[in-house]
Amino acid sequence: MRFKNKKATFDVIKDAVLQIVIVGLIFAIFLIGISLQTHSFNVKQQILQKQTALMIDSGFPGNEIIINKKNRNGYISELRLEENKIFILLETQKHSEGYPYFSEHLVELVELEDKPDYYLIKISKKQK
């Protein structure tokens, strides 16, 4: 098969290859951005807060939740319970929006003197 205009055919192939390369670069940048976002401390913090809030919500009086400060999502530098929200800060984080929990029981954070690498959350019956 012979092409009548070889220069025009070359230009079409060159443009197609250029477009494929540009689309590939945009796709690679997109994937890198998504990968960095899913491994960020904010996402890990939100996961920890949500999981802990769900454990509190499903707990009943007498339950105790022990949380290791060193876990696969990072080192927990601070854990607070305020106004029915749980706040977890990982390593160098300074701020947390908190995650609400909806327990009808009394939820307390207890410091463990003998185990400084752990947090203890106690769920008990509310006093009337």
Protein backbone atom coordinates (compact mmCIF):
# COMPACT_ATOMS: atom_id res chain seq x y z
CA MET A 1 0.00 0.00 0.00
CA ARG A 2 1.43 3.31 -1.03
CA PHE A 3 0.58 6.65 0.46
CA LYS A 4 0.31 9.56 -1.89
CA ASN A 5 1.51 12.11 0.63
CA LYS A 6 4.15 10.70 2.97
CA LYS A 7 4.65 14.03 4.77
CA ALA A 8 0.94 14.26 5.71
CA THR A 9 1.00 10.65 6.98
CA PHE A 10 4.07 11.39 9.10
CA ASP A 11 2.39 14.50 10.57
CA VAL A 12 -0.72 12.49 11.54
CA ILE A 13 1.38 9.78 13.23
CA LYS A 14 3.50 12.42 15.00
CA ASP A 15 0.38 14.17 16.33
CA ALA A 16 -1.14 10.89 17.52
CA VAL A 17 2.04 9.87 19.37
CA LEU A 18 2.30 13.33 20.95
CA GLN A 19 -1.31 13.14 22.18
CA ILE A 20 -0.76 9.66 23.62
CA VAL A 21 2.35 10.87 25.49
CA ILE A 22 0.50 13.91 26.89
CA VAL A 23 -2.47 11.79 28.03
CA GLY A 24 -0.03 9.32 29.62
CA LEU A 25 1.73 12.11 31.54
CA ILE A 26 -1.56 13.55 32.79
CA PHE A 27 -2.70 10.09 33.88
CA ALA A 28 0.61 9.47 35.70
CA ILE A 29 0.36 12.81 37.54
CA PHE A 30 -3.22 11.97 38.51
CA LEU A 31 -2.21 8.56 39.90
CA ILE A 32 0.70 10.02 41.85
CA GLY A 33 -1.60 12.65 43.39
CA ILE A 34 -4.16 10.02 44.42
CA SER A 35 -1.42 7.81 45.87
CA LEU A 36 0.03 10.66 47.95
CA GLN A 37 -3.42 11.65 49.20
CA THR A 38 -4.37 8.15 50.36
CA HIS A 39 -1.11 7.78 52.31
CA SER A 40 -1.30 11.16 54.03
CA PHE A 41 -1.63 11.57 57.78
CA ASN A 42 -5.05 13.23 57.40
CA VAL A 43 -6.59 10.13 55.86
CA LYS A 44 -4.97 7.86 58.46
CA GLN A 45 -6.18 10.19 61.22
CA GLN A 46 -9.75 10.09 59.88
CA ILE A 47 -9.66 6.30 59.68
CA LEU A 48 -8.46 5.97 63.29
CA GLN A 49 -11.06 8.45 64.55
CA LYS A 50 -13.90 6.74 62.70
CA GLN A 51 -12.90 3.23 63.78
CA THR A 52 -12.59 4.30 67.41
CA ALA A 53 -15.92 6.15 67.30
CA LEU A 54 -17.60 3.04 65.87
CA MET A 55 -16.15 0.93 68.68
CA ILE A 56 -17.46 3.43 71.23
CA ASP A 57 -20.89 3.46 69.57
CA SER A 58 -21.15 -0.31 69.65
CA GLY A 59 -19.87 -0.59 73.23
CA PHE A 60 -21.95 -1.16 76.32
CA PRO A 61 -21.27 -0.52 80.03
CA GLY A 62 -18.27 -2.47 81.23
CA ASN A 63 -16.44 -2.42 77.89
CA GLU A 64 -12.89 -1.13 77.77
CA ILE A 65 -11.12 -0.16 74.56
CA ILE A 66 -7.32 -0.27 74.63
CA ILE A 67 -5.56 1.66 71.87
CA ASN A 68 -1.86 1.27 71.21
CA LYS A 69 -0.09 4.57 70.54
CA LYS A 70 2.15 2.83 68.01
CA ASN A 71 0.04 1.31 65.26
CA ARG A 72 0.14 0.79 61.51
CA ASN A 73 -1.44 4.18 60.80
CA GLY A 74 1.29 6.05 62.68
CA TYR A 75 2.16 7.10 66.19
CA ILE A 76 -0.76 8.63 68.13
CA SER A 77 0.62 11.68 69.89
CA GLU A 78 -2.69 12.75 71.44
CA LEU A 79 -6.16 11.33 72.01
CA ARG A 80 -8.99 13.41 73.51
CA LEU A 81 -12.70 12.95 74.14
CA GLU A 82 -14.63 16.25 74.16
CA GLU A 83 -18.32 17.04 73.60
CA ASN A 84 -19.10 13.57 72.22
CA LYS A 85 -16.27 13.79 69.69
CA ILE A 86 -13.03 11.87 69.54
CA PHE A 87 -9.87 13.72 68.56
CA ILE A 88 -6.79 11.76 67.49
CA LEU A 89 -3.56 13.48 66.46
CA LEU A 90 -0.84 11.53 64.66
CA GLU A 91 2.85 12.35 65.14
CA THR A 92 3.36 15.99 64.06
CA GLN A 93 -0.26 17.00 63.51
CA LYS A 94 -1.51 20.03 65.41
CA HIS A 95 -5.23 20.04 64.52
CA SER A 96 -8.15 17.65 64.26
CA GLU A 97 -11.78 18.27 63.37
CA GLY A 98 -12.76 15.32 65.53
CA TYR A 99 -15.25 12.58 64.77
CA PRO A 100 -18.58 12.36 66.62
CA TYR A 101 -19.72 9.31 68.53
CA PHE A 102 -23.29 8.72 69.64
CA SER A 103 -23.04 6.61 72.76
CA GLU A 104 -25.80 6.86 75.34
CA HIS A 105 -23.32 5.69 77.98
CA LEU A 106 -20.60 7.52 79.88
CA VAL A 107 -17.32 7.41 77.92
CA GLU A 108 -14.06 8.24 79.72
CA LEU A 109 -10.43 8.35 78.72
CA VAL A 110 -8.24 6.84 81.44
CA GLU A 111 -4.46 7.25 81.66
CA LEU A 112 -2.64 3.96 82.27
CA GLU A 113 0.21 4.51 84.71
CA ASP A 114 1.75 1.08 84.12
CA LYS A 115 1.36 1.14 80.31
CA PRO A 116 2.34 4.57 78.93
CA ASP A 117 2.16 3.35 75.30
CA TYR A 118 -1.59 2.72 75.51
CA TYR A 119 -4.81 4.67 75.84
CA LEU A 120 -7.80 3.20 77.69
CA ILE A 121 -11.36 4.22 76.91
CA LYS A 122 -13.90 3.04 79.51
CA ILE A 123 -17.60 2.80 78.80
CA SER A 124 -19.83 2.85 81.86
CA LYS A 125 -23.45 3.47 82.77
CA LYS A 126 -24.50 7.10 83.10
CA GLN A 127 -25.42 8.25 86.60
CA LYS A 128 -29.00 9.48 86.82
